[in-house]
C-alpha atoms as a PDB file:
ATOM      1  CA  UNK A   1     101.884 137.711  92.140  1.00  0.00           C
ATOM      2  CA  UNK A   2      99.014 135.270  92.739  1.00  0.00           C
ATOM      3  CA  UNK A   3      99.092 132.555  95.376  1.00  0.00           C
ATOM      4  CA  UNK A   4      99.562 129.843  92.729  1.00  0.00           C
ATOM      5  CA  UNK A   5     102.913 131.212  91.596  1.00  0.00           C
ATOM      6  CA  UNK A   6     104.396 132.945  94.620  1.00  0.00           C
ATOM      7  CA  UNK A   7     107.598 131.516  96.121  1.00  0.00           C
ATOM      8  CA  UNK A   8     106.940 129.351  99.159  1.00  0.00           C
ATOM      9  CA  UNK A   9     108.810 128.637 102.385  1.00  0.00           C
ATOM     10  CA  UNK A  10     109.170 124.857 102.427  1.00  0.00           C
ATOM     11  CA  UNK A  11     110.773 122.537 104.962  1.00  0.00           C
ATOM     12  CA  UNK A  12     112.028 119.313 103.354  1.00  0.00           C
ATOM     13  CA  UNK A  13     112.441 116.482 105.861  1.00  0.00           C
ATOM     14  CA  UNK A  14     115.112 113.905 105.036  1.00  0.00           C
ATOM     15  CA  UNK A  15     117.024 111.269 106.941  1.00  0.00           C
ATOM     16  CA  UNK A  16     114.898 109.933 109.764  1.00  0.00           C
ATOM     17  CA  UNK A  17     115.408 106.738 111.706  1.00  0.00           C
ATOM     18  CA  UNK A  18     114.481 103.913 109.335  1.00  0.00           C
ATOM     19  CA  UNK A  19     116.645 101.407 107.493  1.00  0.00           C
ATOM     20  CA  UNK A  20     116.122 103.571 104.398  1.00  0.00           C
ATOM     21  CA  UNK A  21     117.796 106.654 105.921  1.00  0.00           C
ATOM     22  CA  UNK A  22     120.514 106.888 103.249  1.00  0.00           C
ATOM     23  CA  UNK A  23     117.930 106.788 100.451  1.00  0.00           C
ATOM     24  CA  UNK A  24     115.876 109.430 102.236  1.00  0.00           C
ATOM     25  CA  UNK A  25     118.870 111.752 102.408  1.00  0.00           C
ATOM     26  CA  UNK A  26     119.442 111.354  98.664  1.00  0.00           C
ATOM     27  CA  UNK A  27     115.769 112.032  97.941  1.00  0.00           C
ATOM     28  CA  UNK A  28     115.647 115.037 100.238  1.00  0.00           C
ATOM     29  CA  UNK A  29     118.682 116.685  98.697  1.00  0.00           C
ATOM     30  CA  UNK A  30     117.294 116.280  95.183  1.00  0.00           C
ATOM     31  CA  UNK A  31     113.863 117.601  96.182  1.00  0.00           C
ATOM     32  CA  UNK A  32     115.382 120.594  97.977  1.00  0.00           C
ATOM     33  CA  UNK A  33     117.570 121.446  94.983  1.00  0.00           C
ATOM     34  CA  UNK A  34     114.599 121.197  92.615  1.00  0.00           C
ATOM     35  CA  UNK A  35     112.414 123.436  94.784  1.00  0.00           C
ATOM     36  CA  UNK A  36     115.180 126.022  95.044  1.00  0.00           C
ATOM     37  CA  UNK A  37     115.529 126.033  91.267  1.00  0.00           C
ATOM     38  CA  UNK A  38     111.796 126.811  91.138  1.00  0.00           C
ATOM     39  CA  UNK A  39     112.399 129.861  93.309  1.00  0.00           C
ATOM     40  CA  UNK A  40     111.255 128.563  96.713  1.00  0.00           C
ATOM     41  CA  UNK A  41     112.958 129.179 100.061  1.00  0.00           C
ATOM     42  CA  UNK A  42     113.895 125.714 101.303  1.00  0.00           C
ATOM     43  CA  UNK A  43     115.081 124.427 104.662  1.00  0.00           C
ATOM     44  CA  UNK A  44     116.457 120.875 104.557  1.00  0.00           C
ATOM     45  CA  UNK A  45     116.250 119.217 107.965  1.00  0.00           C
ATOM     46  CA  UNK A  46     116.514 115.848 109.684  1.00  0.00           C
ATOM     47  CA  UNK A  47     113.893 114.615 112.140  1.00  0.00           C
ATOM     48  CA  UNK A  48     113.357 111.916 114.764  1.00  0.00           C
ATOM     49  CA  UNK A  49     110.566 111.051 117.231  1.00  0.00           C
ATOM     50  CA  UNK A  50     112.582 112.626 120.057  1.00  0.00           C
ATOM     51  CA  UNK A  51     113.692 115.645 118.018  1.00  0.00           C
ATOM     52  CA  UNK A  52     110.890 117.546 116.265  1.00  0.00           C
ATOM     53  CA  UNK A  53     112.850 120.796 116.033  1.00  0.00           C
ATOM     54  CA  UNK A  54     112.642 120.615 112.230  1.00  0.00           C
ATOM     55  CA  UNK A  55     108.948 121.461 112.546  1.00  0.00           C
ATOM     56  CA  UNK A  56     109.785 124.742 114.274  1.00  0.00           C
ATOM     57  CA  UNK A  57     111.462 126.434 111.299  1.00  0.00           C
ATOM     58  CA  UNK A  58     109.710 129.710 110.501  1.00  0.00           C
ATOM     59  CA  UNK A  59     108.411 130.926 108.195  1.00  0.00           C
ATOM     60  CA  UNK A  60     107.074 127.628 106.806  1.00  0.00           C
ATOM     61  CA  UNK A  61     104.185 127.284 104.385  1.00  0.00           C
ATOM     62  CA  UNK A  62     104.344 123.500 104.216  1.00  0.00           C
ATOM     63  CA  UNK A  63     106.367 120.347 104.925  1.00  0.00           C
ATOM     64  CA  UNK A  64     107.698 118.126 102.133  1.00  0.00           C
ATOM     65  CA  UNK A  65     108.608 114.764 103.729  1.00  0.00           C
ATOM     66  CA  UNK A  66     111.262 112.813 101.838  1.00  0.00           C
ATOM     67  CA  UNK A  67     111.198 110.068 104.445  1.00  0.00           C
ATOM     68  CA  UNK A  68     110.700 106.325 104.183  1.00  0.00           C
ATOM     69  CA  UNK A  69     109.735 103.594 106.601  1.00  0.00           C
ATOM     70  CA  UNK A  70     109.536 103.985 110.367  1.00  0.00           C
ATOM     71  CA  UNK A  71     108.525 107.470 111.530  1.00  0.00           C
ATOM     72  CA  UNK A  72     108.266 108.947 108.097  1.00  0.00           C
ATOM     73  CA  UNK A  73     105.973 106.801 106.027  1.00  0.00           C
ATOM     74  CA  UNK A  74     104.053 104.888 108.679  1.00  0.00           C
ATOM     75  CA  UNK A  75     101.608 107.610 109.734  1.00  0.00           C
ATOM     76  CA  UNK A  76     103.391 108.711 112.917  1.00  0.00           C
ATOM     77  CA  UNK A  77     104.847 111.900 111.467  1.00  0.00           C
ATOM     78  CA  UNK A  78     101.680 112.575 109.482  1.00  0.00           C
ATOM     79  CA  UNK A  79      99.589 112.402 112.652  1.00  0.00           C
ATOM     80  CA  UNK A  80     101.849 114.984 114.314  1.00  0.00           C
ATOM     81  CA  UNK A  81     101.533 117.302 111.318  1.00  0.00           C
ATOM     82  CA  UNK A  82      97.754 116.890 111.259  1.00  0.00           C
ATOM     83  CA  UNK A  83      97.517 117.713 114.972  1.00  0.00           C
ATOM     84  CA  UNK A  84      99.625 120.832 114.435  1.00  0.00           C
ATOM     85  CA  UNK A  85      97.657 121.867 111.357  1.00  0.00           C
ATOM     86  CA  UNK A  86     100.736 122.000 109.112  1.00  0.00           C
ATOM     87  CA  UNK A  87     100.130 121.313 105.397  1.00  0.00           C
ATOM     88  CA  UNK A  88     102.335 118.523 104.041  1.00  0.00           C
ATOM     89  CA  UNK A  89     102.988 116.564 100.866  1.00  0.00           C
ATOM     90  CA  UNK A  90     101.706 113.006 100.747  1.00  0.00           C
ATOM     91  CA  UNK A  91      99.031 110.859 102.279  1.00  0.00           C
ATOM     92  CA  UNK A  92      97.444 111.469 105.653  1.00  0.00           C
ATOM     93  CA  UNK A  93      98.110 109.434 108.769  1.00  0.00           C
ATOM     94  CA  UNK A  94      95.373 106.830 108.273  1.00  0.00           C
ATOM     95  CA  UNK A  95      96.339 106.037 104.679  1.00  0.00           C
ATOM     96  CA  UNK A  96     100.054 106.061 105.517  1.00  0.00           C
ATOM     97  CA  UNK A  97      99.583 103.665 108.417  1.00  0.00           C
ATOM     98  CA  UNK A  98      97.512 101.290 106.299  1.00  0.00           C
ATOM     99  CA  UNK A  99      99.865 101.312 103.303  1.00  0.00           C
ATOM    100  CA  UNK A 100     102.934 100.730 105.476  1.00  0.00           C
ATOM    101  CA  UNK A 101     101.474  97.493 106.830  1.00  0.00           C
ATOM    102  CA  UNK A 102     101.597  95.019 103.943  1.00  0.00           C
ATOM    103  CA  UNK A 103      99.154  92.639 105.620  1.00  0.00           C
ATOM    104  CA  UNK A 104      96.553  95.304 106.386  1.00  0.00           C
ATOM    105  CA  UNK A 105      96.914  96.524 102.812  1.00  0.00           C
ATOM    106  CA  UNK A 106      96.283  93.034 101.467  1.00  0.00           C
ATOM    107  CA  UNK A 107      93.215  92.659 103.679  1.00  0.00           C
ATOM    108  CA  UNK A 108      91.863  95.973 102.361  1.00  0.00           C
ATOM    109  CA  UNK A 109      92.572  94.994  98.756  1.00  0.00           C
ATOM    110  CA  UNK A 110      90.874  91.616  99.185  1.00  0.00           C
ATOM    111  CA  UNK A 111      87.845  93.284 100.805  1.00  0.00           C
ATOM    112  CA  UNK A 112      87.445  95.381  97.643  1.00  0.00           C
ATOM    113  CA  UNK A 113      87.884  92.415  95.312  1.00  0.00           C
ATOM    114  CA  UNK A 114      91.344  93.448  94.088  1.00  0.00           C
ATOM    115  CA  UNK A 115      93.827  90.658  93.253  1.00  0.00           C
ATOM    116  CA  UNK A 116      96.883  90.169  95.449  1.00  0.00           C
ATOM    117  CA  UNK A 117      99.068  87.047  95.861  1.00  0.00           C
ATOM    118  CA  UNK A 118      98.043  84.543  98.547  1.00  0.00           C
ATOM    119  CA  UNK A 119      99.796  85.194 101.854  1.00  0.00           C
ATOM    120  CA  UNK A 120     100.241  84.176 105.454  1.00  0.00           C
ATOM    121  CA  UNK A 121     101.769  85.851 108.495  1.00  0.00           C
ATOM    122  CA  UNK A 122     104.567  84.278 110.546  1.00  0.00           C
ATOM    123  CA  UNK A 123     105.213  85.667 114.024  1.00  0.00           C
ATOM    124  CA  UNK A 124     107.023  82.787 115.752  1.00  0.00           C
ATOM    125  CA  UNK A 125     110.231  81.010 114.820  1.00  0.00           C
ATOM    126  CA  UNK A 126     109.368  78.079 112.548  1.00  0.00           C
ATOM    127  CA  UNK A 127     109.692  74.451 113.508  1.00  0.00           C
ATOM    128  CA  UNK A 128     112.030  72.204 111.530  1.00  0.00           C
ATOM    129  CA  UNK A 129     109.015  70.837 109.652  1.00  0.00           C
ATOM    130  CA  UNK A 130     107.519  74.236 108.751  1.00  0.00           C
ATOM    131  CA  UNK A 131     106.468  74.855 105.144  1.00  0.00           C
ATOM    132  CA  UNK A 132     104.332  77.622 103.622  1.00  0.00           C
ATOM    133  CA  UNK A 133     100.584  77.130 103.374  1.00  0.00           C
ATOM    134  CA  UNK A 134      99.500  74.952 100.469  1.00  0.00           C
ATOM    135  CA  UNK A 135      97.855  77.922  98.705  1.00  0.00           C
ATOM    136  CA  UNK A 136     101.266  79.674  98.703  1.00  0.00           C
ATOM    137  CA  UNK A 137     103.602  76.807  97.904  1.00  0.00           C
ATOM    138  CA  UNK A 138     107.231  77.049  96.852  1.00  0.00           C
ATOM    139  CA  UNK A 139     109.071  79.085  95.822  1.00  0.00           C
ATOM    140  CA  UNK A 140     107.688  81.825  98.047  1.00  0.00           C
ATOM    141  CA  UNK A 141     108.570  85.413  98.866  1.00  0.00           C
ATOM    142  CA  UNK A 142     109.313  86.338 102.489  1.00  0.00           C
ATOM    143  CA  UNK A 143     109.457  89.991 103.538  1.00  0.00           C
ATOM    144  CA  UNK A 144     108.990  92.134 106.652  1.00  0.00           C
ATOM    145  CA  UNK A 145     105.457  93.418 107.160  1.00  0.00           C
ATOM    146  CA  UNK A 146     106.462  97.071 107.518  1.00  0.00           C
ATOM    147  CA  UNK A 147     109.699  97.794 105.659  1.00  0.00           C
ATOM    148  CA  UNK A 148     110.364  99.281 102.235  1.00  0.00           C
ATOM    149  CA  UNK A 149     113.049  99.138  99.522  1.00  0.00           C
ATOM    150  CA  UNK A 150     112.958  95.319  99.707  1.00  0.00           C
ATOM    151  CA  UNK A 151     114.809  95.436 103.038  1.00  0.00           C
ATOM    152  CA  UNK A 152     114.741  91.908 104.488  1.00  0.00           C
ATOM    153  CA  UNK A 153     112.990  90.509 101.394  1.00  0.00           C
ATOM    154  CA  UNK A 154     113.998  87.193  99.825  1.00  0.00           C
ATOM    155  CA  UNK A 155     112.698  84.735  97.252  1.00  0.00           C
ATOM    156  CA  UNK A 156     113.000  81.328  98.910  1.00  0.00           C
ATOM    157  CA  UNK A 157     113.215  78.383  96.515  1.00  0.00           C
ATOM    158  CA  UNK A 158     112.660  75.608  99.061  1.00  0.00           C
ATOM    159  CA  UNK A 159     111.403  75.093 102.607  1.00  0.00           C
ATOM    160  CA  UNK A 160     114.900  74.906 104.100  1.00  0.00           C
ATOM    161  CA  UNK A 161     115.791  78.307 102.636  1.00  0.00           C
ATOM    162  CA  UNK A 162     112.470  79.751 103.825  1.00  0.00           C
ATOM    163  CA  UNK A 163     112.978  78.495 107.383  1.00  0.00           C
ATOM    164  CA  UNK A 164     116.537  79.842 107.447  1.00  0.00           C
ATOM    165  CA  UNK A 165     115.397  83.269 106.277  1.00  0.00           C
ATOM    166  CA  UNK A 166     112.648  83.379 108.910  1.00  0.00           C
ATOM    167  CA  UNK A 167     115.177  82.384 111.583  1.00  0.00           C
ATOM    168  CA  UNK A 168     117.355  85.347 110.552  1.00  0.00           C
ATOM    169  CA  UNK A 169     114.641  87.972 110.165  1.00  0.00           C
ATOM    170  CA  UNK A 170     111.925  87.268 112.741  1.00  0.00           C
ATOM    171  CA  UNK A 171     114.044  88.331 115.749  1.00  0.00           C
ATOM    172  CA  UNK A 172     114.636  91.693 114.051  1.00  0.00           C
ATOM    173  CA  UNK A 173     111.257  92.444 112.475  1.00  0.00           C
ATOM    174  CA  UNK A 174     108.801  90.570 114.707  1.00  0.00           C
ATOM    175  CA  UNK A 175     106.328  89.715 111.915  1.00  0.00           C
ATOM    176  CA  UNK A 176     107.070  88.398 108.448  1.00  0.00           C
ATOM    177  CA  UNK A 177     104.849  88.098 105.401  1.00  0.00           C
ATOM    178  CA  UNK A 178     105.077  84.875 103.394  1.00  0.00           C
ATOM    179  CA  UNK A 179     103.643  85.412  99.924  1.00  0.00           C
ATOM    180  CA  UNK A 180     102.992  83.298  96.850  1.00  0.00           C
ATOM    181  CA  UNK A 181     105.700  83.828  94.241  1.00  0.00           C
ATOM    182  CA  UNK A 182     104.341  85.085  90.925  1.00  0.00           C
ATOM    183  CA  UNK A 183     106.571  84.205  87.981  1.00  0.00           C
ATOM    184  CA  UNK A 184     106.306  86.997  85.455  1.00  0.00           C
ATOM    185  CA  UNK A 185     106.861  90.679  84.766  1.00  0.00           C
ATOM    186  CA  UNK A 186     107.254  93.186  87.576  1.00  0.00           C
ATOM    187  CA  UNK A 187     105.563  96.495  86.796  1.00  0.00           C
ATOM    188  CA  UNK A 188     105.211  99.658  88.797  1.00  0.00           C
ATOM    189  CA  UNK A 189     102.681 102.429  88.293  1.00  0.00           C
ATOM    190  CA  UNK A 190     103.031 105.879  89.773  1.00  0.00           C
ATOM    191  CA  UNK A 191      99.921 107.833  90.685  1.00  0.00           C
ATOM    192  CA  UNK A 192     100.069 111.621  90.640  1.00  0.00           C
ATOM    193  CA  UNK A 193      97.110 113.655  91.874  1.00  0.00           C
ATOM    194  CA  UNK A 194      94.722 110.688  91.431  1.00  0.00           C
ATOM    195  CA  UNK A 195      95.865 109.995  87.843  1.00  0.00           C
ATOM    196  CA  UNK A 196      97.851 106.912  86.857  1.00  0.00           C
ATOM    197  CA  UNK A 197     101.219 107.544  85.198  1.00  0.00           C
ATOM    198  CA  UNK A 198     102.674 105.261  82.500  1.00  0.00           C
ATOM    199  CA  UNK A 199     103.585 101.781  83.719  1.00  0.00           C
ATOM    200  CA  UNK A 200     107.255 100.830  83.976  1.00  0.00           C
ATOM    201  CA  UNK A 201     108.592  97.301  83.492  1.00  0.00           C
ATOM    202  CA  UNK A 202     111.417  96.677  85.962  1.00  0.00           C
ATOM    203  CA  UNK A 203     114.060  94.295  84.596  1.00  0.00           C
ATOM    204  CA  UNK A 204     116.773  93.635  87.188  1.00  0.00           C
ATOM    205  CA  UNK A 205     119.919  91.730  86.281  1.00  0.00           C
ATOM    206  CA  UNK A 206     119.979  90.335  89.819  1.00  0.00           C
ATOM    207  CA  UNK A 207     117.691  87.483  90.921  1.00  0.00           C
ATOM    208  CA  UNK A 208     115.053  90.015  91.891  1.00  0.00           C
ATOM    209  CA  UNK A 209     114.540  93.733  92.426  1.00  0.00           C
ATOM    210  CA  UNK A 210     116.248  93.969  95.810  1.00  0.00           C
ATOM    211  CA  UNK A 211     117.868  96.938  97.579  1.00  0.00           C
ATOM    212  CA  UNK A 212     121.082  96.651  95.545  1.00  0.00           C
ATOM    213  CA  UNK A 213     119.193  96.457  92.261  1.00  0.00           C
ATOM    214  CA  UNK A 214     117.195  99.533  93.255  1.00  0.00           C
ATOM    215  CA  UNK A 215     119.934 101.797  94.542  1.00  0.00           C
ATOM    216  CA  UNK A 216     123.428 100.382  94.049  1.00  0.00           C
ATOM    217  CA  UNK A 217     123.702  98.452  90.793  1.00  0.00           C
ATOM    218  CA  UNK A 218     123.680 100.351  87.517  1.00  0.00           C
ATOM    219  CA  UNK A 219     122.449  97.481  85.323  1.00  0.00           C
ATOM    220  CA  UNK A 220     118.755  97.414  86.276  1.00  0.00           C
ATOM    221  CA  UNK A 221     116.669  98.261  83.212  1.00  0.00           C
ATOM    222  CA  UNK A 222     113.430 100.247  83.182  1.00  0.00           C
ATOM    223  CA  UNK A 223     111.165  99.969  80.156  1.00  0.00           C
ATOM    224  CA  UNK A 224     108.126 101.985  79.122  1.00  0.00           C
ATOM    225  CA  UNK A 225     107.696  99.805  76.026  1.00  0.00           C
ATOM    226  CA  UNK A 226     106.304  96.634  77.596  1.00  0.00           C
ATOM    227  CA  UNK A 227     105.676  93.333  75.829  1.00  0.00           C
ATOM    228  CA  UNK A 228     102.123  92.905  77.090  1.00  0.00           C
ATOM    229  CA  UNK A 229      98.733  93.394  75.423  1.00  0.00           C
ATOM    230  CA  UNK A 230      97.337  96.917  75.695  1.00  0.00           C
ATOM    231  CA  UNK A 231      94.339  95.575  77.633  1.00  0.00           C
ATOM    232  CA  UNK A 232      96.617  94.066  80.284  1.00  0.00           C
ATOM    233  CA  UNK A 233      98.573  97.296  80.673  1.00  0.00           C
ATOM    234  CA  UNK A 234      95.347  99.259  81.004  1.00  0.00           C
ATOM    235  CA  UNK A 235      94.138  96.778  83.643  1.00  0.00           C
ATOM    236  CA  UNK A 236      97.397  97.247  85.578  1.00  0.00           C
ATOM    237  CA  UNK A 237      97.018 101.046  85.546  1.00  0.00           C
ATOM    238  CA  UNK A 238      93.384 100.735  86.649  1.00  0.00           C
ATOM    239  CA  UNK A 239      94.389  98.423  89.502  1.00  0.00           C
ATOM    240  CA  UNK A 240      97.017 100.927  90.607  1.00  0.00           C
ATOM    241  CA  UNK A 241      94.448 103.693  90.665  1.00  0.00           C
ATOM    242  CA  UNK A 242      91.941 101.531  92.549  1.00  0.00           C
ATOM    243  CA  UNK A 243      94.633 100.669  95.116  1.00  0.00           C
ATOM    244  CA  UNK A 244      95.356 104.378  95.575  1.00  0.00           C
ATOM    245  CA  UNK A 245      91.635 104.971  96.144  1.00  0.00           C
ATOM    246  CA  UNK A 246      91.128 102.024  98.506  1.00  0.00           C
ATOM    247  CA  UNK A 247      94.006 103.149 100.713  1.00  0.00           C
ATOM    248  CA  UNK A 248      92.761 106.776 100.488  1.00  0.00           C
ATOM    249  CA  UNK A 249      96.182 108.009  99.401  1.00  0.00           C
ATOM    250  CA  UNK A 250      96.676 111.570  98.179  1.00  0.00           C
ATOM    251  CA  UNK A 251      99.093 113.591  96.040  1.00  0.00           C
ATOM    252  CA  UNK A 252     101.322 110.697  94.947  1.00  0.00           C
ATOM    253  CA  UNK A 253     102.001 106.999  95.372  1.00  0.00           C
ATOM    254  CA  UNK A 254     103.599 104.062  93.619  1.00  0.00           C
ATOM    255  CA  UNK A 255     101.855 100.712  93.199  1.00  0.00           C
ATOM    256  CA  UNK A 256     103.868  97.554  92.452  1.00  0.00           C
ATOM    257  CA  UNK A 257     102.233  94.812  90.386  1.00  0.00           C
ATOM    258  CA  UNK A 258     103.281  91.377  89.133  1.00  0.00           C
ATOM    259  CA  UNK A 259     101.814  90.045  85.890  1.00  0.00           C
ATOM    260  CA  UNK A 260     101.743  86.247  85.691  1.00  0.00           C
ATOM    261  CA  UNK A 261     103.775  85.186  82.673  1.00  0.00           C
ATOM    262  CA  UNK A 262     101.406  82.319  81.766  1.00  0.00           C
ATOM    263  CA  UNK A 263      97.960  83.741  82.464  1.00  0.00           C
ATOM    264  CA  UNK A 264      98.732  87.493  82.121  1.00  0.00           C
ATOM    265  CA  UNK A 265      96.760  87.991  85.328  1.00  0.00           C
ATOM    266  CA  UNK A 266      97.966  91.022  87.349  1.00  0.00           C
ATOM    267  CA  UNK A 267      98.488  90.840  91.114  1.00  0.00           C
ATOM    268  CA  UNK A 268      98.972  93.877  93.368  1.00  0.00           C
ATOM    269  CA  UNK A 269     102.001  93.552  95.635  1.00  0.00           C
ATOM    270  CA  UNK A 270     101.908  96.796  97.628  1.00  0.00           C
ATOM    271  CA  UNK A 271     101.523 100.550  97.571  1.00  0.00           C
ATOM    272  CA  UNK A 272     104.196 103.035  98.588  1.00  0.00           C
ATOM    273  CA  UNK A 273     102.795 106.388  99.738  1.00  0.00           C
ATOM    274  CA  UNK A 274     106.149 108.224  99.896  1.00  0.00           C
ATOM    275  CA  UNK A 275     108.131 106.872  96.948  1.00  0.00           C
ATOM    276  CA  UNK A 276     111.753 107.819  96.459  1.00  0.00           C
ATOM    277  CA  UNK A 277     113.061 110.848  94.583  1.00  0.00           C
ATOM    278  CA  UNK A 278     116.589 109.654  93.765  1.00  0.00           C
ATOM    279  CA  UNK A 279     118.148 109.220  90.316  1.00  0.00           C
ATOM    280  CA  UNK A 280     116.927 105.586  90.392  1.00  0.00           C
ATOM    281  CA  UNK A 281     113.403 106.390  91.570  1.00  0.00           C
ATOM    282  CA  UNK A 282     110.455 105.357  89.457  1.00  0.00           C
ATOM    283  CA  UNK A 283     107.725 107.945  90.058  1.00  0.00           C
ATOM    284  CA  UNK A 284     109.975 110.776  88.815  1.00  0.00           C
ATOM    285  CA  UNK A 285     110.912 108.607  85.788  1.00  0.00           C
ATOM    286  CA  UNK A 286     107.249 107.991  84.962  1.00  0.00           C
ATOM    287  CA  UNK A 287     106.286 111.617  85.518  1.00  0.00           C
ATOM    288  CA  UNK A 288     109.072 112.784  83.196  1.00  0.00           C
ATOM    289  CA  UNK A 289     107.908 110.275  80.576  1.00  0.00           C
ATOM    290  CA  UNK A 290     104.418 111.776  80.895  1.00  0.00           C
ATOM    291  CA  UNK A 291     105.795 115.295  80.351  1.00  0.00           C
ATOM    292  CA  UNK A 292     106.312 116.413  83.958  1.00  0.00           C
ATOM    293  CA  UNK A 293     110.047 117.007  84.562  1.00  0.00           C
ATOM    294  CA  UNK A 294     111.529 116.582  88.040  1.00  0.00           C
ATOM    295  CA  UNK A 295     111.546 120.236  89.094  1.00  0.00           C
ATOM    296  CA  UNK A 296     107.958 120.728  87.959  1.00  0.00           C
ATOM    297  CA  UNK A 297     106.924 117.521  89.759  1.00  0.00           C
ATOM    298  CA  UNK A 298     108.340 118.745  93.078  1.00  0.00           C
ATOM    299  CA  UNK A 299     106.780 122.179  92.607  1.00  0.00           C
ATOM    300  CA  UNK A 300     103.414 120.686  91.710  1.00  0.00           C
ATOM    301  CA  UNK A 301     103.392 118.451  94.792  1.00  0.00           C
ATOM    302  CA  UNK A 302     104.257 121.377  97.057  1.00  0.00           C
ATOM    303  CA  UNK A 303     101.433 123.469  95.651  1.00  0.00           C
ATOM    304  CA  UNK A 304      99.007 120.547  95.977  1.00  0.00           C
ATOM    305  CA  UNK A 305      99.850 120.315  99.665  1.00  0.00           C
ATOM    306  CA  UNK A 306      99.369 124.038 100.183  1.00  0.00           C
ATOM    307  CA  UNK A 307      96.053 124.029  98.302  1.00  0.00           C
ATOM    308  CA  UNK A 308      94.778 121.067 100.336  1.00  0.00           C
ATOM    309  CA  UNK A 309      95.762 122.590 103.664  1.00  0.00           C
ATOM    310  CA  UNK A 310      95.765 120.032 106.470  1.00  0.00           C
ATOM    311  CA  UNK A 311      92.356 118.321 106.469  1.00  0.00           C
ATOM    312  CA  UNK A 312      91.424 115.346 108.582  1.00  0.00           C
ATOM    313  CA  UNK A 313      92.892 112.203 107.111  1.00  0.00           C
ATOM    314  CA  UNK A 314      90.258 110.410 104.961  1.00  0.00           C
ATOM    315  CA  UNK A 315      89.256 106.879 105.797  1.00  0.00           C
ATOM    316  CA  UNK A 316      90.435 104.067 103.504  1.00  0.00           C
ATOM    317  CA  UNK A 317      87.930 103.090 100.848  1.00  0.00           C
ATOM    318  CA  UNK A 318      87.101 106.639  99.851  1.00  0.00           C
ATOM    319  CA  UNK A 319      84.882 107.721 102.745  1.00  0.00           C
ATOM    320  CA  UNK A 320      85.871 110.895 104.569  1.00  0.00           C
ATOM    321  CA  UNK A 321      85.984 111.368 108.278  1.00  0.00           C
ATOM    322  CA  UNK A 322      83.101 113.295 109.759  1.00  0.00           C
END
């Protein structure tokens, strides 16, 4: 049996310490089940900064993180794995750290001429007269700088609502991103092994695609047939791929994009370097639509990680570390 088809010993990490722990556990269980169906020996384990025992399981060919947010997606775990020389699925520590910080990501996108909604950072509780910058206006979107799954995110229709949301969230998150609201279609594009997957139009029945719409409600619609010109859809997929390259992501990612309803101009919102693998998750949906079913997707990612080994994390923008 050649190395490309032999069964592997894989440790799947799920749970963690972030606000997305429950989603991580769902993802991890589905990934582990898929890898077992492909014939691999799988250990499913939890992990925390003060408990790295999951990394001691032997034999272990590679780690498959199914983690989100703090100590999972923010580069901290990836840096530990790089130091230990353990192959793992997903982006390296530098790319993970950059992508987790929405402000740093926006700065990198802007430096490469890629469109992203106007933004500002708020770090102190707002005064009673506070309003968003004129280039942002109202309504605006307010979200934590380093959380996923729309945790702490809100569309604020007026200044009073924006101030109230900042009063509630700043003590918990420390920094908040205030972003121009783009009225239009929300699309997401998965990237698998540096190739863009089909775009998905997300159509929530709630006010916006929040945590409940993503993971709790059953009425959110996902469409591959999208009422936009082919040229716009191609531009969205190209922007997703460019974002993946600018951040120096690897293996997989998901890029969220808004398309302005009036101008049809696309704007990059963010990139997620460890997207979910639940029944609601969008990268598996897009991969299946492209002819890569869930079990094959998990197997392919594991073998990518093994083939890549554990190189130094590349620098954002495409340049490699020396």
